[in-house]
Amino acid sequence: MSKLRVAGVGLTAVAALALSTCGGDDTASSGGSTSSMAPSGSAPMSSSGSTGSPDGVTTNADVFGPACSQLPQGSAPGSLDSMGPQPVASAASTNPLLTKLVAAVKATNLVDTLNSQQAITVFAPADPAFEALGEAKFTELAGKPDQLAPILQYHVVGKRYDAKGLATAGSVETLNTAGGPVKIEGTGENMTVNGAKILCGNIPTKNATVFVIDKALTPGTDKN
């Protein structure tokens, strides 16, 4: 995972992406969702009772969050059934909530690197988190992969967690170790990641569990 290791954080990139917040290891951590999902029509709806997975691997029944209903249904591209068998970067490329993140990952040439990992957790900012930055600033940042990469690395954890595992851990180190730990607070629908709310969590992919969040994470902001 040499591509994903960083010695420091590009201060210019951190400052730029902070505007948008006005908003692996093969072993996995234990945990599971504090909420499971039951269909309402074709859209997932949360319910309680999941006991969790010892390896952080989730199923469609574990997915929770208010934006999950925005995903395509059935086997359409971007649906839970479609994303599940795919490695995480490929799965994200079909997710309608993550078009800006996918563009950033491509700009830093991290697609193959993320897809090749065995067990990771990805905190994935939804499009509005990047849109708050502005198209011009996003394009500028995407043109500076050396500055953008450390920010993206701060959204990836080198172990696979589900929601309950994250809540139990309390804080987790990302692949950008210089950025400090990511702080997890609350559980289930009330869980936050460095203050970012979960829009759709516990999304299963072949090699990762994905949590779509409403803000981009800024390295160095967790003081815990």
Protein backbone atom coordinates (compact mmCIF):
# COMPACT_ATOMS: atom_id res chain seq x y z
CA MET A 1 0.00 0.00 0.00
CA SER A 2 2.96 2.27 -0.66
CA LYS A 3 0.85 4.62 -2.76
CA LEU A 4 -1.36 5.29 0.23
CA ARG A 5 1.39 6.12 2.76
CA VAL A 6 2.11 9.75 3.42
CA ALA A 7 4.64 11.59 5.53
CA GLY A 8 2.60 14.75 5.96
CA VAL A 9 -0.40 16.75 4.91
CA GLY A 10 -0.42 19.43 2.20
CA LEU A 11 -1.46 22.53 4.16
CA THR A 12 -2.77 24.28 1.10
CA ALA A 13 -5.02 21.36 0.25
CA VAL A 14 -6.23 21.01 3.81
CA ALA A 15 -7.14 24.67 3.98
CA ALA A 16 -8.93 24.47 0.65
CA LEU A 17 -10.90 21.38 1.45
CA ALA A 18 -11.75 22.69 4.90
CA LEU A 19 -14.08 25.10 3.12
CA SER A 20 -16.18 22.14 2.11
CA THR A 21 -16.64 21.12 5.72
CA CYS A 22 -18.77 24.23 6.37
CA GLY A 23 -20.04 20.89 6.29
CA GLY A 24 -5.10 -2.78 4.17
CA ASP A 25 -4.52 -4.70 6.83
CA ASP A 26 -5.98 -8.15 6.12
CA THR A 27 -7.23 -8.40 9.68
CA ALA A 28 -10.51 -6.69 10.47
CA SER A 29 -11.92 -5.17 13.60
CA SER A 30 -14.93 -6.65 15.28
CA GLY A 31 -18.25 -4.92 15.11
CA GLY A 32 -21.60 -4.69 13.43
CA SER A 33 -24.37 -2.27 12.80
CA THR A 34 -26.40 -1.00 15.70
CA SER A 35 -29.16 -0.70 13.14
CA SER A 36 -30.28 -3.14 10.50
CA MET A 37 -32.38 -2.28 7.51
CA ALA A 38 -35.68 -3.63 6.30
CA PRO A 39 -37.12 -2.73 2.91
CA SER A 40 -39.96 -0.27 2.61
CA GLY A 41 -41.09 -0.80 -0.91
CA SER A 42 -37.71 -0.92 -2.62
CA ALA A 43 -35.90 1.54 -0.35
CA PRO A 44 -33.95 0.46 2.74
CA MET A 45 -35.35 1.57 6.09
CA SER A 46 -33.61 1.29 9.43
CA SER A 47 -34.60 -0.99 12.26
CA SER A 48 -32.82 -2.28 15.33
CA GLY A 49 -31.42 -5.65 16.27
CA SER A 50 -28.24 -6.33 14.27
CA THR A 51 -25.65 -8.21 16.32
CA GLY A 52 -22.82 -7.25 14.01
CA SER A 53 -20.10 -9.05 12.13
CA PRO A 54 -16.79 -10.11 13.68
CA ASP A 55 -14.89 -9.05 10.59
CA GLY A 56 -16.69 -5.80 9.76
CA VAL A 57 -18.35 -7.30 6.68
CA THR A 58 -21.93 -6.14 6.21
CA THR A 59 -24.89 -7.18 4.10
CA ASN A 60 -27.65 -5.17 2.46
CA ALA A 61 -29.79 -5.78 5.55
CA ASP A 62 -27.31 -3.80 7.67
CA VAL A 63 -27.42 -0.62 5.58
CA PHE A 64 -28.89 2.45 7.30
CA GLY A 65 -29.28 6.18 6.84
CA PRO A 66 -31.60 8.77 5.28
CA ALA A 67 -29.86 8.86 1.89
CA CYS A 68 -29.94 5.11 1.28
CA SER A 69 -33.31 5.48 -0.44
CA GLN A 70 -31.59 7.59 -3.12
CA LEU A 71 -29.61 4.60 -4.36
CA PRO A 72 -30.89 2.77 -7.46
CA GLN A 73 -32.87 -0.35 -6.71
CA GLY A 74 -32.69 -3.96 -7.82
CA SER A 75 -29.59 -4.81 -9.84
CA ALA A 76 -29.23 -1.40 -11.50
CA PRO A 77 -25.74 0.18 -11.44
CA GLY A 78 -25.22 1.91 -8.11
CA SER A 79 -27.68 -0.32 -6.27
CA LEU A 80 -26.64 -2.32 -3.22
CA ASP A 81 -26.91 -5.56 -5.20
CA SER A 82 -24.70 -4.13 -7.94
CA MET A 83 -22.05 -2.62 -5.66
CA GLY A 84 -21.70 -5.57 -3.30
CA PRO A 85 -19.59 -7.86 -5.55
CA GLN A 86 -17.34 -5.02 -6.78
CA PRO A 87 -14.16 -3.66 -5.17
CA VAL A 88 -14.74 -0.33 -3.50
CA ALA A 89 -13.51 2.18 -6.10
CA SER A 90 -15.39 0.40 -8.88
CA ALA A 91 -18.51 0.23 -6.71
CA ALA A 92 -18.27 3.93 -5.84
CA SER A 93 -18.00 4.84 -9.51
CA THR A 94 -21.63 3.74 -9.97
CA ASN A 95 -22.96 5.32 -6.76
CA PRO A 96 -24.96 8.47 -7.62
CA LEU A 97 -24.10 10.02 -4.25
CA LEU A 98 -20.34 9.94 -4.87
CA THR A 99 -19.57 11.38 -8.30
CA LYS A 100 -17.25 14.10 -6.95
CA LEU A 101 -15.35 11.68 -4.73
CA VAL A 102 -14.87 9.31 -7.64
CA ALA A 103 -13.47 12.17 -9.74
CA ALA A 104 -11.02 12.99 -6.94
CA VAL A 105 -9.93 9.36 -6.60
CA LYS A 106 -9.33 9.16 -10.35
CA ALA A 107 -7.37 12.43 -10.29
CA THR A 108 -4.96 10.95 -7.74
CA ASN A 109 -4.66 7.59 -9.55
CA LEU A 110 -5.88 5.70 -6.48
CA VAL A 111 -8.54 3.57 -8.19
CA ASP A 112 -6.41 0.44 -8.63
CA THR A 113 -4.78 0.92 -5.22
CA LEU A 114 -8.12 1.05 -3.39
CA ASN A 115 -9.54 -1.82 -5.41
CA SER A 116 -6.58 -4.02 -4.53
CA GLN A 117 -6.92 -3.70 -0.75
CA GLN A 118 -8.26 -6.67 1.18
CA ALA A 119 -10.22 -5.14 4.07
CA ILE A 120 -10.74 -1.40 4.51
CA THR A 121 -13.28 1.14 5.68
CA VAL A 122 -14.09 4.17 3.53
CA PHE A 123 -15.70 7.38 4.76
CA ALA A 124 -17.10 8.75 1.51
CA PRO A 125 -18.19 12.41 1.34
CA ALA A 126 -21.38 12.84 -0.66
CA ASP A 127 -21.40 15.25 -3.59
CA PRO A 128 -22.75 18.27 -1.62
CA ALA A 129 -19.62 18.21 0.57
CA PHE A 130 -17.50 18.91 -2.51
CA GLU A 131 -20.03 21.21 -4.13
CA ALA A 132 -19.71 23.52 -1.11
CA LEU A 133 -16.09 23.98 -2.14
CA GLY A 134 -17.10 25.35 -5.53
CA GLU A 135 -16.42 23.91 -8.97
CA ALA A 136 -13.38 26.11 -9.64
CA LYS A 137 -11.66 25.24 -6.36
CA PHE A 138 -12.47 21.55 -6.76
CA THR A 139 -11.00 21.55 -10.26
CA GLU A 140 -7.91 23.34 -8.99
CA LEU A 141 -7.44 20.84 -6.18
CA ALA A 142 -8.02 17.89 -8.50
CA GLY A 143 -5.15 19.21 -10.59
CA LYS A 144 -2.80 18.91 -7.61
CA PRO A 145 -2.80 15.17 -6.82
CA ASP A 146 0.11 15.44 -4.38
CA GLN A 147 -1.99 17.76 -2.22
CA LEU A 148 -5.30 15.97 -2.76
CA ALA A 149 -4.04 12.45 -2.03
CA PRO A 150 -3.38 13.02 1.72
CA ILE A 151 -6.93 14.31 2.13
CA LEU A 152 -8.39 11.25 0.43
CA GLN A 153 -6.15 8.98 2.53
CA TYR A 154 -7.67 10.56 5.63
CA HIS A 155 -11.00 9.04 4.56
CA VAL A 156 -9.67 5.45 4.42
CA VAL A 157 -9.04 3.14 7.37
CA GLY A 158 -6.75 0.14 6.92
CA LYS A 159 -9.14 -2.22 8.70
CA ARG A 160 -12.70 -3.16 7.89
CA TYR A 161 -15.26 -1.89 10.38
CA ASP A 162 -19.01 -1.91 10.44
CA ALA A 163 -21.02 0.66 12.42
CA LYS A 164 -20.90 -1.21 15.70
CA GLY A 165 -17.17 -1.81 15.36
CA LEU A 166 -16.58 1.90 14.79
CA ALA A 167 -18.71 2.83 17.79
CA THR A 168 -16.79 0.37 19.96
CA ALA A 169 -13.43 1.67 18.74
CA GLY A 170 -14.30 5.29 19.49
CA SER A 171 -11.53 6.56 17.22
CA VAL A 172 -9.65 5.01 14.32
CA GLU A 173 -6.38 5.75 12.55
CA THR A 174 -6.55 6.39 8.83
CA LEU A 175 -3.99 5.79 6.11
CA ASN A 176 -2.96 9.41 6.60
CA THR A 177 -1.40 8.84 10.02
CA ALA A 178 -0.07 12.41 10.10
CA GLY A 179 -3.66 13.68 10.08
CA GLY A 180 -4.48 12.21 13.48
CA PRO A 181 -7.27 9.80 14.42
CA VAL A 182 -10.86 10.06 13.25
CA LYS A 183 -13.26 10.37 16.16
CA ILE A 184 -16.44 8.30 16.20
CA GLU A 185 -19.35 9.42 18.37
CA GLY A 186 -22.86 8.07 18.80
CA THR A 187 -24.35 4.90 17.36
CA GLY A 188 -26.63 3.90 14.50
CA GLU A 189 -28.58 6.77 12.94
CA ASN A 190 -26.93 9.18 15.40
CA MET A 191 -23.33 8.22 14.62
CA THR A 192 -20.90 10.94 13.55
CA VAL A 193 -17.39 10.76 12.08
CA ASN A 194 -15.37 13.81 13.16
CA GLY A 195 -18.76 15.51 13.40
CA ALA A 196 -19.91 14.42 9.93
CA LYS A 197 -23.30 12.71 9.87
CA ILE A 198 -23.85 9.29 8.30
CA LEU A 199 -26.04 9.63 5.22
CA CYS A 200 -25.89 5.96 4.25
CA GLY A 201 -23.75 3.59 6.28
CA ASN A 202 -22.64 -0.04 6.36
CA ILE A 203 -22.66 -0.26 2.54
CA PRO A 204 -21.01 -3.58 1.60
CA THR A 205 -18.53 -3.90 -1.24
CA LYS A 206 -16.14 -6.71 -2.08
CA ASN A 207 -13.23 -5.35 -0.07
CA ALA A 208 -14.64 -2.50 2.02
CA THR A 209 -17.46 -1.22 4.14
CA VAL A 210 -18.51 2.27 3.05
CA PHE A 211 -20.05 5.09 5.07
CA VAL A 212 -21.39 7.98 2.98
CA ILE A 213 -21.02 11.15 5.07
CA ASP A 214 -22.26 14.71 4.71
CA LYS A 215 -18.93 16.52 5.10
CA ALA A 216 -15.36 16.08 3.94
CA LEU A 217 -12.96 15.20 6.75
CA THR A 218 -10.09 17.62 7.32
CA PRO A 219 -6.84 16.09 8.63
CA GLY A 220 -5.69 17.38 11.99
CA THR A 221 -9.09 18.59 13.21
CA ASP A 222 -9.78 15.88 15.82
CA LYS A 223 -8.35 17.07 19.12
CA ASN A 224 -9.36 14.00 21.12
